[in-house]
């Protein structure tokens, strides 16, 4: 989680009773993801997942879209969450200014990054293709990575951000300070490469999609996927980016920050058995992924923010992303 919960277990129990008419016999935190998650067990066979969204990151209309989208996909045979309405019929509530939803608990295993067995690597690629195919019939969503998103005129602001983080790293008394500074200098140099690129979105196919698809958004059973979760970031963006990114986060062979070509091709083939990419998508996906990683301070920015929980894990993730960026740039 990025921010600690504003609930105590007792206040959450009272919230569920008041807003949802649910009597929770037991409540336990679920240590997963950037939101605050809790398992509420009513003791009568009914189990629910309570999700407390990050502060300032979401609006009610966006979360309501997640509810509608989950219903839309479930009606088309893709297993997703069912959101539970509150007493007033709303599926989105508030507690101390933060949005809260309640969902039926779906039983299954929750994979970690880079832990996918061979069957899951292939199945997750096919499921992403099924999502993209199904969402062709959904109204256009808000668009991310719009044309000009990485245009040269936006680079000076990103350069200033990295320079400020570098100053913090140079003052840091921590054995990882040298690695942080090295990574930030690499990204600063990479911005020169990015400034010389033509439009990095040119020729890419934009689709309605999950927005944060990877194996950590899946629940699995015995050699099968039982649910895809968390459509809070659903949007319209380049299909190729979500394909290559989800591969990099799932396949154990990518854990050291590299994309083995043969395994990536197999992942692309599994995806394209369901939904097609264009030649331009395949040709430009690495370049676009590199541009996105270059423009992201995720992991480093959070590490220097004392209000963020889990900063150590976020920094490790930042290190991995920069290692991946190093492996991508020579291939472009």
C-alpha atoms as a PDB file:
ATOM      1  CA  UNK A   1       0.000   0.000   0.000  1.00  0.00           C
ATOM      2  CA  UNK A   2       1.137   3.551  -0.615  1.00  0.00           C
ATOM      3  CA  UNK A   3      -0.802   5.119   2.269  1.00  0.00           C
ATOM      4  CA  UNK A   4      -1.732   3.566   5.599  1.00  0.00           C
ATOM      5  CA  UNK A   5      -5.400   2.830   6.181  1.00  0.00           C
ATOM      6  CA  UNK A   6      -7.674   5.347   7.873  1.00  0.00           C
ATOM      7  CA  UNK A   7      -9.635   2.427   9.349  1.00  0.00           C
ATOM      8  CA  UNK A   8      -9.028   0.557  12.555  1.00  0.00           C
ATOM      9  CA  UNK A   9     -10.449  -2.955  12.508  1.00  0.00           C
ATOM     10  CA  UNK A  10     -13.230  -1.805  14.847  1.00  0.00           C
ATOM     11  CA  UNK A  11     -14.090   1.269  12.795  1.00  0.00           C
ATOM     12  CA  UNK A  12     -14.168  -0.861   9.638  1.00  0.00           C
ATOM     13  CA  UNK A  13     -16.506  -3.317  11.325  1.00  0.00           C
ATOM     14  CA  UNK A  14     -18.797  -0.409  12.255  1.00  0.00           C
ATOM     15  CA  UNK A  15     -18.540   1.038   8.732  1.00  0.00           C
ATOM     16  CA  UNK A  16     -19.628  -2.257   7.166  1.00  0.00           C
ATOM     17  CA  UNK A  17     -22.547  -2.550   9.574  1.00  0.00           C
ATOM     18  CA  UNK A  18     -23.676   1.041   8.986  1.00  0.00           C
ATOM     19  CA  UNK A  19     -23.151   1.350   5.230  1.00  0.00           C
ATOM     20  CA  UNK A  20     -23.625  -2.237   3.983  1.00  0.00           C
ATOM     21  CA  UNK A  21     -25.665  -4.013   6.664  1.00  0.00           C
ATOM     22  CA  UNK A  22     -22.847  -6.550   6.927  1.00  0.00           C
ATOM     23  CA  UNK A  23     -21.829  -8.107  10.241  1.00  0.00           C
ATOM     24  CA  UNK A  24     -18.179  -9.100  10.014  1.00  0.00           C
ATOM     25  CA  UNK A  25     -17.189 -11.848  12.425  1.00  0.00           C
ATOM     26  CA  UNK A  26     -13.525 -11.268  11.581  1.00  0.00           C
ATOM     27  CA  UNK A  27     -11.514  -8.752   9.585  1.00  0.00           C
ATOM     28  CA  UNK A  28      -7.914  -9.148   8.471  1.00  0.00           C
ATOM     29  CA  UNK A  29      -5.658  -6.960   6.317  1.00  0.00           C
ATOM     30  CA  UNK A  30      -4.565  -8.265   2.905  1.00  0.00           C
ATOM     31  CA  UNK A  31      -0.936  -7.128   2.423  1.00  0.00           C
ATOM     32  CA  UNK A  32      -1.065  -6.578  -1.324  1.00  0.00           C
ATOM     33  CA  UNK A  33      -1.133  -3.776  -3.866  1.00  0.00           C
ATOM     34  CA  UNK A  34      -1.074  -0.003  -3.492  1.00  0.00           C
ATOM     35  CA  UNK A  35      -4.583   0.278  -2.011  1.00  0.00           C
ATOM     36  CA  UNK A  36      -5.551  -0.893   1.495  1.00  0.00           C
ATOM     37  CA  UNK A  37      -7.340  -4.235   1.294  1.00  0.00           C
ATOM     38  CA  UNK A  38      -9.188  -6.172   3.997  1.00  0.00           C
ATOM     39  CA  UNK A  39     -10.882  -9.561   4.094  1.00  0.00           C
ATOM     40  CA  UNK A  40     -14.201  -9.403   5.956  1.00  0.00           C
ATOM     41  CA  UNK A  41     -15.593 -12.798   6.950  1.00  0.00           C
ATOM     42  CA  UNK A  42     -19.217 -12.822   8.089  1.00  0.00           C
ATOM     43  CA  UNK A  43     -18.893 -16.307   9.562  1.00  0.00           C
ATOM     44  CA  UNK A  44     -21.846 -17.643   7.561  1.00  0.00           C
ATOM     45  CA  UNK A  45     -19.985 -18.542   4.366  1.00  0.00           C
ATOM     46  CA  UNK A  46     -20.008 -14.977   3.006  1.00  0.00           C
ATOM     47  CA  UNK A  47     -16.623 -13.342   2.567  1.00  0.00           C
ATOM     48  CA  UNK A  48     -15.933  -9.897   1.139  1.00  0.00           C
ATOM     49  CA  UNK A  49     -12.915  -7.836   0.124  1.00  0.00           C
ATOM     50  CA  UNK A  50     -12.961  -4.211   1.254  1.00  0.00           C
ATOM     51  CA  UNK A  51     -10.848  -1.850  -0.840  1.00  0.00           C
ATOM     52  CA  UNK A  52      -9.809   1.546   0.518  1.00  0.00           C
ATOM     53  CA  UNK A  53      -8.381   3.549  -2.384  1.00  0.00           C
ATOM     54  CA  UNK A  54      -5.280   5.733  -2.245  1.00  0.00           C
ATOM     55  CA  UNK A  55      -5.739   9.320  -1.142  1.00  0.00           C
ATOM     56  CA  UNK A  56      -6.213  11.797  -3.968  1.00  0.00           C
ATOM     57  CA  UNK A  57      -5.745   9.268  -6.725  1.00  0.00           C
ATOM     58  CA  UNK A  58      -9.334   8.455  -7.664  1.00  0.00           C
ATOM     59  CA  UNK A  59     -12.686  10.132  -8.215  1.00  0.00           C
ATOM     60  CA  UNK A  60     -16.071   8.472  -7.614  1.00  0.00           C
ATOM     61  CA  UNK A  61     -16.970   8.518 -11.328  1.00  0.00           C
ATOM     62  CA  UNK A  62     -13.739   6.654 -12.127  1.00  0.00           C
ATOM     63  CA  UNK A  63     -14.426   3.932  -9.575  1.00  0.00           C
ATOM     64  CA  UNK A  64     -18.019   3.641 -10.805  1.00  0.00           C
ATOM     65  CA  UNK A  65     -16.543   2.959 -14.242  1.00  0.00           C
ATOM     66  CA  UNK A  66     -14.578   0.105 -12.666  1.00  0.00           C
ATOM     67  CA  UNK A  67     -17.875  -1.319 -11.406  1.00  0.00           C
ATOM     68  CA  UNK A  68     -19.580  -0.974 -14.812  1.00  0.00           C
ATOM     69  CA  UNK A  69     -16.572  -2.390 -16.606  1.00  0.00           C
ATOM     70  CA  UNK A  70     -16.364  -5.413 -14.319  1.00  0.00           C
ATOM     71  CA  UNK A  71     -20.060  -6.136 -14.954  1.00  0.00           C
ATOM     72  CA  UNK A  72     -19.560  -5.672 -18.713  1.00  0.00           C
ATOM     73  CA  UNK A  73     -16.677  -8.141 -18.836  1.00  0.00           C
ATOM     74  CA  UNK A  74     -18.292 -10.688 -16.548  1.00  0.00           C
ATOM     75  CA  UNK A  75     -21.344 -10.749 -18.854  1.00  0.00           C
ATOM     76  CA  UNK A  76     -18.932 -11.651 -21.683  1.00  0.00           C
ATOM     77  CA  UNK A  77     -17.382 -14.576 -19.877  1.00  0.00           C
ATOM     78  CA  UNK A  78     -14.311 -12.871 -18.400  1.00  0.00           C
ATOM     79  CA  UNK A  79     -14.152 -13.546 -14.635  1.00  0.00           C
ATOM     80  CA  UNK A  80     -14.031 -10.295 -12.656  1.00  0.00           C
ATOM     81  CA  UNK A  81     -15.148  -8.948  -9.291  1.00  0.00           C
ATOM     82  CA  UNK A  82     -18.789  -8.365  -8.348  1.00  0.00           C
ATOM     83  CA  UNK A  83     -19.177  -5.136  -6.403  1.00  0.00           C
ATOM     84  CA  UNK A  84     -21.633  -5.116  -3.492  1.00  0.00           C
ATOM     85  CA  UNK A  85     -24.063  -2.186  -3.287  1.00  0.00           C
ATOM     86  CA  UNK A  86     -24.387  -0.310   0.007  1.00  0.00           C
ATOM     87  CA  UNK A  87     -27.699   0.276   1.778  1.00  0.00           C
ATOM     88  CA  UNK A  88     -28.359   3.311  -0.435  1.00  0.00           C
ATOM     89  CA  UNK A  89     -27.668   1.384  -3.635  1.00  0.00           C
ATOM     90  CA  UNK A  90     -24.299   3.036  -4.260  1.00  0.00           C
ATOM     91  CA  UNK A  91     -21.304   0.819  -5.026  1.00  0.00           C
ATOM     92  CA  UNK A  92     -18.804   3.531  -4.015  1.00  0.00           C
ATOM     93  CA  UNK A  93     -18.727   4.935  -0.470  1.00  0.00           C
ATOM     94  CA  UNK A  94     -16.411   7.310   1.394  1.00  0.00           C
ATOM     95  CA  UNK A  95     -14.566   7.155   4.692  1.00  0.00           C
ATOM     96  CA  UNK A  96     -12.562  10.187   5.833  1.00  0.00           C
ATOM     97  CA  UNK A  97     -12.381  11.417   2.262  1.00  0.00           C
ATOM     98  CA  UNK A  98     -11.149   8.125   0.797  1.00  0.00           C
ATOM     99  CA  UNK A  99     -13.212   5.985  -1.569  1.00  0.00           C
ATOM    100  CA  UNK A 100     -14.236   2.517  -0.426  1.00  0.00           C
ATOM    101  CA  UNK A 101     -15.764  -0.439  -2.266  1.00  0.00           C
ATOM    102  CA  UNK A 102     -16.842  -3.898  -1.149  1.00  0.00           C
ATOM    103  CA  UNK A 103     -16.532  -6.901  -3.469  1.00  0.00           C
ATOM    104  CA  UNK A 104     -17.393 -10.563  -3.233  1.00  0.00           C
ATOM    105  CA  UNK A 105     -14.308 -12.525  -2.246  1.00  0.00           C
ATOM    106  CA  UNK A 106     -13.073 -14.734  -5.088  1.00  0.00           C
ATOM    107  CA  UNK A 107     -11.034 -17.672  -3.856  1.00  0.00           C
ATOM    108  CA  UNK A 108      -7.680 -18.135  -5.536  1.00  0.00           C
ATOM    109  CA  UNK A 109      -3.929 -17.731  -5.318  1.00  0.00           C
ATOM    110  CA  UNK A 110      -2.436 -14.271  -5.875  1.00  0.00           C
ATOM    111  CA  UNK A 111       0.817 -14.484  -7.901  1.00  0.00           C
ATOM    112  CA  UNK A 112       3.741 -12.147  -7.289  1.00  0.00           C
ATOM    113  CA  UNK A 113       5.757 -10.418 -10.000  1.00  0.00           C
ATOM    114  CA  UNK A 114       8.089 -12.738 -11.937  1.00  0.00           C
ATOM    115  CA  UNK A 115       6.534 -15.872 -10.461  1.00  0.00           C
ATOM    116  CA  UNK A 116       4.434 -17.115 -13.402  1.00  0.00           C
ATOM    117  CA  UNK A 117       4.653 -20.792 -14.245  1.00  0.00           C
ATOM    118  CA  UNK A 118       4.821 -21.495 -18.015  1.00  0.00           C
ATOM    119  CA  UNK A 119       1.086 -22.159 -18.217  1.00  0.00           C
ATOM    120  CA  UNK A 120       0.327 -18.815 -16.516  1.00  0.00           C
ATOM    121  CA  UNK A 121       2.638 -16.835 -18.810  1.00  0.00           C
ATOM    122  CA  UNK A 122       0.709 -18.148 -21.819  1.00  0.00           C
ATOM    123  CA  UNK A 123      -2.723 -17.925 -20.180  1.00  0.00           C
ATOM    124  CA  UNK A 124      -2.169 -14.331 -19.045  1.00  0.00           C
ATOM    125  CA  UNK A 125      -1.193 -13.331 -22.596  1.00  0.00           C
ATOM    126  CA  UNK A 126      -4.338 -14.934 -24.007  1.00  0.00           C
ATOM    127  CA  UNK A 127      -6.507 -13.317 -21.331  1.00  0.00           C
ATOM    128  CA  UNK A 128      -5.105  -9.879 -22.193  1.00  0.00           C
ATOM    129  CA  UNK A 129      -6.055 -10.535 -25.814  1.00  0.00           C
ATOM    130  CA  UNK A 130      -9.542 -11.535 -24.696  1.00  0.00           C
ATOM    131  CA  UNK A 131      -9.855  -8.305 -22.685  1.00  0.00           C
ATOM    132  CA  UNK A 132      -8.838  -6.179 -25.663  1.00  0.00           C
ATOM    133  CA  UNK A 133     -11.225  -8.053 -27.941  1.00  0.00           C
ATOM    134  CA  UNK A 134     -14.162  -7.723 -25.535  1.00  0.00           C
ATOM    135  CA  UNK A 135     -13.513  -4.034 -24.850  1.00  0.00           C
ATOM    136  CA  UNK A 136     -13.802  -3.127 -28.528  1.00  0.00           C
ATOM    137  CA  UNK A 137     -17.535  -2.988 -27.796  1.00  0.00           C
ATOM    138  CA  UNK A 138     -17.143  -0.685 -24.771  1.00  0.00           C
ATOM    139  CA  UNK A 139     -17.429   3.111 -25.153  1.00  0.00           C
ATOM    140  CA  UNK A 140     -14.048   4.856 -25.587  1.00  0.00           C
ATOM    141  CA  UNK A 141     -12.349   5.455 -22.244  1.00  0.00           C
ATOM    142  CA  UNK A 142     -10.119   8.329 -21.180  1.00  0.00           C
ATOM    143  CA  UNK A 143      -6.872   8.224 -23.116  1.00  0.00           C
ATOM    144  CA  UNK A 144      -3.386   7.878 -21.664  1.00  0.00           C
ATOM    145  CA  UNK A 145      -0.126   8.484 -23.536  1.00  0.00           C
ATOM    146  CA  UNK A 146      -1.801  10.944 -25.876  1.00  0.00           C
ATOM    147  CA  UNK A 147       0.123  12.121 -28.979  1.00  0.00           C
ATOM    148  CA  UNK A 148       2.823  14.516 -27.857  1.00  0.00           C
ATOM    149  CA  UNK A 149       2.989  12.902 -24.423  1.00  0.00           C
ATOM    150  CA  UNK A 150       6.784  12.520 -24.729  1.00  0.00           C
ATOM    151  CA  UNK A 151       7.386  15.589 -26.925  1.00  0.00           C
ATOM    152  CA  UNK A 152      10.692  17.472 -26.438  1.00  0.00           C
ATOM    153  CA  UNK A 153       8.976  20.464 -24.826  1.00  0.00           C
ATOM    154  CA  UNK A 154       7.977  18.275 -21.852  1.00  0.00           C
ATOM    155  CA  UNK A 155      11.508  17.025 -21.179  1.00  0.00           C
ATOM    156  CA  UNK A 156      12.890  20.052 -19.243  1.00  0.00           C
ATOM    157  CA  UNK A 157      10.321  19.564 -16.454  1.00  0.00           C
ATOM    158  CA  UNK A 158      11.233  15.879 -16.185  1.00  0.00           C
ATOM    159  CA  UNK A 159      14.930  16.801 -16.147  1.00  0.00           C
ATOM    160  CA  UNK A 160      14.334  19.177 -13.221  1.00  0.00           C
ATOM    161  CA  UNK A 161      12.468  16.457 -11.335  1.00  0.00           C
ATOM    162  CA  UNK A 162      15.370  14.016 -11.715  1.00  0.00           C
ATOM    163  CA  UNK A 163      17.921  16.671 -10.765  1.00  0.00           C
ATOM    164  CA  UNK A 164      16.029  17.369  -7.522  1.00  0.00           C
ATOM    165  CA  UNK A 165      15.895  13.645  -6.724  1.00  0.00           C
ATOM    166  CA  UNK A 166      19.602  13.380  -7.509  1.00  0.00           C
ATOM    167  CA  UNK A 167      20.335  16.167  -5.026  1.00  0.00           C
ATOM    168  CA  UNK A 168      18.434  14.221  -2.368  1.00  0.00           C
ATOM    169  CA  UNK A 169      20.354  11.046  -3.223  1.00  0.00           C
ATOM    170  CA  UNK A 170      23.671  12.867  -2.897  1.00  0.00           C
ATOM    171  CA  UNK A 171      22.723  14.031   0.609  1.00  0.00           C
ATOM    172  CA  UNK A 172      21.426  10.604   1.616  1.00  0.00           C
ATOM    173  CA  UNK A 173      23.351   8.642   4.238  1.00  0.00           C
ATOM    174  CA  UNK A 174      22.382   5.195   3.058  1.00  0.00           C
ATOM    175  CA  UNK A 175      24.350   2.387   1.378  1.00  0.00           C
ATOM    176  CA  UNK A 176      21.953   2.556  -1.589  1.00  0.00           C
ATOM    177  CA  UNK A 177      22.582   6.248  -2.213  1.00  0.00           C
ATOM    178  CA  UNK A 178      25.237   5.491  -4.833  1.00  0.00           C
ATOM    179  CA  UNK A 179      22.925   3.169  -6.776  1.00  0.00           C
ATOM    180  CA  UNK A 180      20.077   5.700  -6.648  1.00  0.00           C
ATOM    181  CA  UNK A 181      22.373   8.474  -7.919  1.00  0.00           C
ATOM    182  CA  UNK A 182      23.738   6.220 -10.676  1.00  0.00           C
ATOM    183  CA  UNK A 183      20.229   5.364 -11.875  1.00  0.00           C
ATOM    184  CA  UNK A 184      19.099   8.988 -11.880  1.00  0.00           C
ATOM    185  CA  UNK A 185      22.173  10.057 -13.867  1.00  0.00           C
ATOM    186  CA  UNK A 186      21.406   7.288 -16.369  1.00  0.00           C
ATOM    187  CA  UNK A 187      17.843   8.548 -16.724  1.00  0.00           C
ATOM    188  CA  UNK A 188      19.039  12.115 -17.168  1.00  0.00           C
ATOM    189  CA  UNK A 189      21.312  10.961 -19.996  1.00  0.00           C
ATOM    190  CA  UNK A 190      18.422   8.967 -21.449  1.00  0.00           C
ATOM    191  CA  UNK A 191      16.338  12.121 -21.725  1.00  0.00           C
ATOM    192  CA  UNK A 192      18.773  13.287 -24.412  1.00  0.00           C
ATOM    193  CA  UNK A 193      17.970  10.132 -26.365  1.00  0.00           C
ATOM    194  CA  UNK A 194      14.254  10.745 -25.877  1.00  0.00           C
ATOM    195  CA  UNK A 195      14.515  14.350 -27.090  1.00  0.00           C
ATOM    196  CA  UNK A 196      15.957  13.086 -30.364  1.00  0.00           C
ATOM    197  CA  UNK A 197      13.125  10.631 -31.011  1.00  0.00           C
ATOM    198  CA  UNK A 198      10.257  11.282 -33.405  1.00  0.00           C
ATOM    199  CA  UNK A 199       6.741  10.842 -32.025  1.00  0.00           C
ATOM    200  CA  UNK A 200       7.042   7.664 -29.939  1.00  0.00           C
ATOM    201  CA  UNK A 201       3.285   7.010 -30.162  1.00  0.00           C
ATOM    202  CA  UNK A 202       3.198   7.095 -33.966  1.00  0.00           C
ATOM    203  CA  UNK A 203       1.672   3.980 -35.509  1.00  0.00           C
ATOM    204  CA  UNK A 204       0.654   2.390 -32.206  1.00  0.00           C
ATOM    205  CA  UNK A 205      -2.812   0.849 -31.881  1.00  0.00           C
ATOM    206  CA  UNK A 206      -4.815   2.338 -29.000  1.00  0.00           C
ATOM    207  CA  UNK A 207      -7.358   0.099 -27.249  1.00  0.00           C
ATOM    208  CA  UNK A 208      -9.670   0.158 -24.255  1.00  0.00           C
ATOM    209  CA  UNK A 209      -7.839  -1.847 -21.629  1.00  0.00           C
ATOM    210  CA  UNK A 210      -7.154  -2.666 -17.985  1.00  0.00           C
ATOM    211  CA  UNK A 211      -4.449  -0.008 -17.645  1.00  0.00           C
ATOM    212  CA  UNK A 212      -2.279  -1.908 -15.135  1.00  0.00           C
ATOM    213  CA  UNK A 213      -2.458  -5.486 -16.382  1.00  0.00           C
ATOM    214  CA  UNK A 214       0.009  -8.023 -15.003  1.00  0.00           C
ATOM    215  CA  UNK A 215      -0.081 -11.319 -13.135  1.00  0.00           C
ATOM    216  CA  UNK A 216      -0.416  -9.505  -9.788  1.00  0.00           C
ATOM    217  CA  UNK A 217      -3.914  -8.474 -10.941  1.00  0.00           C
ATOM    218  CA  UNK A 218      -4.911 -12.122 -11.385  1.00  0.00           C
ATOM    219  CA  UNK A 219      -6.188 -14.847  -9.116  1.00  0.00           C
ATOM    220  CA  UNK A 220      -5.361 -18.405 -10.096  1.00  0.00           C
ATOM    221  CA  UNK A 221      -6.622 -21.885  -9.362  1.00  0.00           C
ATOM    222  CA  UNK A 222      -5.216 -25.215 -10.488  1.00  0.00           C
ATOM    223  CA  UNK A 223      -3.601 -24.346 -13.821  1.00  0.00           C
ATOM    224  CA  UNK A 224      -6.237 -21.745 -14.612  1.00  0.00           C
ATOM    225  CA  UNK A 225      -6.996 -18.063 -14.094  1.00  0.00           C
ATOM    226  CA  UNK A 226     -10.091 -17.614 -11.934  1.00  0.00           C
ATOM    227  CA  UNK A 227     -10.327 -13.788 -11.998  1.00  0.00           C
ATOM    228  CA  UNK A 228      -8.763 -10.571 -13.242  1.00  0.00           C
ATOM    229  CA  UNK A 229      -9.040  -7.746 -10.729  1.00  0.00           C
ATOM    230  CA  UNK A 230      -8.616  -4.001 -10.212  1.00  0.00           C
ATOM    231  CA  UNK A 231      -9.881  -2.054 -13.206  1.00  0.00           C
ATOM    232  CA  UNK A 232      -9.536   1.263 -11.351  1.00  0.00           C
ATOM    233  CA  UNK A 233      -6.926   2.411 -13.889  1.00  0.00           C
ATOM    234  CA  UNK A 234      -8.859   1.297 -16.973  1.00  0.00           C
ATOM    235  CA  UNK A 235      -8.218   3.578 -19.933  1.00  0.00           C
ATOM    236  CA  UNK A 236      -7.367   3.713 -23.618  1.00  0.00           C
ATOM    237  CA  UNK A 237      -3.667   3.286 -24.404  1.00  0.00           C
ATOM    238  CA  UNK A 238      -1.288   1.472 -26.781  1.00  0.00           C
ATOM    239  CA  UNK A 239      -1.988  -2.256 -26.780  1.00  0.00           C
ATOM    240  CA  UNK A 240       1.671  -2.993 -27.466  1.00  0.00           C
ATOM    241  CA  UNK A 241       2.753  -1.272 -24.259  1.00  0.00           C
ATOM    242  CA  UNK A 242       0.447  -3.306 -22.058  1.00  0.00           C
ATOM    243  CA  UNK A 243       1.529  -6.494 -23.809  1.00  0.00           C
ATOM    244  CA  UNK A 244       5.279  -5.974 -23.408  1.00  0.00           C
ATOM    245  CA  UNK A 245       4.921  -4.540 -19.897  1.00  0.00           C
ATOM    246  CA  UNK A 246       2.795  -7.446 -18.647  1.00  0.00           C
ATOM    247  CA  UNK A 247       5.312  -9.907 -20.078  1.00  0.00           C
ATOM    248  CA  UNK A 248       8.182  -8.121 -18.330  1.00  0.00           C
ATOM    249  CA  UNK A 249       6.350  -8.245 -14.981  1.00  0.00           C
ATOM    250  CA  UNK A 250       5.227 -11.860 -15.198  1.00  0.00           C
ATOM    251  CA  UNK A 251       7.861 -14.112 -16.753  1.00  0.00           C
ATOM    252  CA  UNK A 252      10.526 -15.213 -14.225  1.00  0.00           C
ATOM    253  CA  UNK A 253      13.158 -14.828 -16.950  1.00  0.00           C
ATOM    254  CA  UNK A 254      12.637 -11.038 -16.748  1.00  0.00           C
ATOM    255  CA  UNK A 255      13.436 -10.810 -13.037  1.00  0.00           C
ATOM    256  CA  UNK A 256      16.971  -9.590 -13.717  1.00  0.00           C
ATOM    257  CA  UNK A 257      15.753  -6.716 -15.886  1.00  0.00           C
ATOM    258  CA  UNK A 258      15.999  -8.225 -19.377  1.00  0.00           C
ATOM    259  CA  UNK A 259      13.481  -9.351 -22.003  1.00  0.00           C
ATOM    260  CA  UNK A 260      14.544 -12.725 -23.468  1.00  0.00           C
ATOM    261  CA  UNK A 261      13.591 -12.411 -27.177  1.00  0.00           C
ATOM    262  CA  UNK A 262      12.361 -15.958 -27.650  1.00  0.00           C
ATOM    263  CA  UNK A 263      10.124 -15.858 -24.613  1.00  0.00           C
ATOM    264  CA  UNK A 264       8.726 -12.453 -25.595  1.00  0.00           C
ATOM    265  CA  UNK A 265       7.906 -13.796 -29.055  1.00  0.00           C
ATOM    266  CA  UNK A 266       6.045 -16.740 -27.498  1.00  0.00           C
ATOM    267  CA  UNK A 267       4.075 -14.313 -25.323  1.00  0.00           C
ATOM    268  CA  UNK A 268       3.211 -12.184 -28.350  1.00  0.00           C
ATOM    269  CA  UNK A 269       2.101 -15.279 -30.254  1.00  0.00           C
ATOM    270  CA  UNK A 270      -0.212 -16.324 -27.411  1.00  0.00           C
ATOM    271  CA  UNK A 271      -1.713 -12.824 -27.273  1.00  0.00           C
ATOM    272  CA  UNK A 272      -2.109 -12.650 -31.053  1.00  0.00           C
ATOM    273  CA  UNK A 273      -3.944 -15.955 -31.127  1.00  0.00           C
ATOM    274  CA  UNK A 274      -6.811 -13.828 -29.770  1.00  0.00           C
ATOM    275  CA  UNK A 275      -6.143 -10.193 -30.758  1.00  0.00           C
ATOM    276  CA  UNK A 276      -3.811  -8.896 -33.454  1.00  0.00           C
ATOM    277  CA  UNK A 277      -1.033  -6.347 -33.267  1.00  0.00           C
ATOM    278  CA  UNK A 278       0.154  -4.476 -36.329  1.00  0.00           C
ATOM    279  CA  UNK A 279       3.670  -4.572 -37.719  1.00  0.00           C
ATOM    280  CA  UNK A 280       4.144  -1.039 -36.343  1.00  0.00           C
ATOM    281  CA  UNK A 281       3.048  -2.188 -32.876  1.00  0.00           C
ATOM    282  CA  UNK A 282       5.648  -4.946 -32.865  1.00  0.00           C
ATOM    283  CA  UNK A 283       8.346  -2.724 -34.328  1.00  0.00           C
ATOM    284  CA  UNK A 284       7.844   0.176 -31.907  1.00  0.00           C
ATOM    285  CA  UNK A 285       6.854  -1.498 -28.631  1.00  0.00           C
ATOM    286  CA  UNK A 286      10.372  -1.574 -27.157  1.00  0.00           C
ATOM    287  CA  UNK A 287      11.007   2.052 -28.040  1.00  0.00           C
ATOM    288  CA  UNK A 288       7.713   3.133 -26.487  1.00  0.00           C
ATOM    289  CA  UNK A 289       8.308   1.081 -23.329  1.00  0.00           C
ATOM    290  CA  UNK A 290      11.750   2.656 -22.997  1.00  0.00           C
ATOM    291  CA  UNK A 291      10.233   6.144 -23.369  1.00  0.00           C
ATOM    292  CA  UNK A 292       7.652   5.393 -20.683  1.00  0.00           C
ATOM    293  CA  UNK A 293      10.274   4.083 -18.253  1.00  0.00           C
ATOM    294  CA  UNK A 294      12.525   7.056 -18.937  1.00  0.00           C
ATOM    295  CA  UNK A 295       9.763   9.475 -17.998  1.00  0.00           C
ATOM    296  CA  UNK A 296       8.831   7.675 -14.777  1.00  0.00           C
ATOM    297  CA  UNK A 297      10.396   8.367 -11.388  1.00  0.00           C
ATOM    298  CA  UNK A 298       8.282   5.660  -9.744  1.00  0.00           C
ATOM    299  CA  UNK A 299      10.113   3.985  -6.884  1.00  0.00           C
ATOM    300  CA  UNK A 300      12.679   6.744  -6.385  1.00  0.00           C
ATOM    301  CA  UNK A 301      10.141   9.514  -5.804  1.00  0.00           C
ATOM    302  CA  UNK A 302       8.198   7.381  -3.320  1.00  0.00           C
ATOM    303  CA  UNK A 303      11.374   6.353  -1.491  1.00  0.00           C
ATOM    304  CA  UNK A 304      12.049   9.986  -0.565  1.00  0.00           C
ATOM    305  CA  UNK A 305       8.462  10.557   0.648  1.00  0.00           C
ATOM    306  CA  UNK A 306       8.166   9.633   4.359  1.00  0.00           C
ATOM    307  CA  UNK A 307       4.362   9.527   4.075  1.00  0.00           C
ATOM    308  CA  UNK A 308       4.537   6.502   1.759  1.00  0.00           C
ATOM    309  CA  UNK A 309       4.383   2.998   3.209  1.00  0.00           C
ATOM    310  CA  UNK A 310       6.497   0.207   1.721  1.00  0.00           C
ATOM    311  CA  UNK A 311       9.227   2.527   0.467  1.00  0.00           C
ATOM    312  CA  UNK A 312      11.894  -0.200   0.528  1.00  0.00           C
ATOM    313  CA  UNK A 313       9.921  -2.445  -1.822  1.00  0.00           C
ATOM    314  CA  UNK A 314       9.113   0.492  -4.072  1.00  0.00           C
ATOM    315  CA  UNK A 315      12.792   1.381  -4.350  1.00  0.00           C
ATOM    316  CA  UNK A 316      13.662  -2.199  -5.294  1.00  0.00           C
ATOM    317  CA  UNK A 317      10.991  -2.001  -7.974  1.00  0.00           C
ATOM    318  CA  UNK A 318      12.508   1.267  -9.202  1.00  0.00           C
ATOM    319  CA  UNK A 319      15.927  -0.429  -9.443  1.00  0.00           C
ATOM    320  CA  UNK A 320      14.428  -3.275 -11.486  1.00  0.00           C
ATOM    321  CA  UNK A 321      12.692  -0.862 -13.863  1.00  0.00           C
ATOM    322  CA  UNK A 322      15.934   1.011 -14.486  1.00  0.00           C
ATOM    323  CA  UNK A 323      17.772  -2.266 -15.129  1.00  0.00           C
ATOM    324  CA  UNK A 324      15.057  -3.083 -17.651  1.00  0.00           C
ATOM    325  CA  UNK A 325      15.483   0.333 -19.240  1.00  0.00           C
ATOM    326  CA  UNK A 326      19.208  -0.295 -19.619  1.00  0.00           C
ATOM    327  CA  UNK A 327      18.445  -3.547 -21.444  1.00  0.00           C
ATOM    328  CA  UNK A 328      15.925  -1.843 -23.744  1.00  0.00           C
ATOM    329  CA  UNK A 329      17.947   1.132 -24.887  1.00  0.00           C
ATOM    330  CA  UNK A 330      20.684  -0.750 -26.786  1.00  0.00           C
ATOM    331  CA  UNK A 331      18.011  -2.569 -28.833  1.00  0.00           C
ATOM    332  CA  UNK A 332      16.267   0.571 -30.103  1.00  0.00           C
END
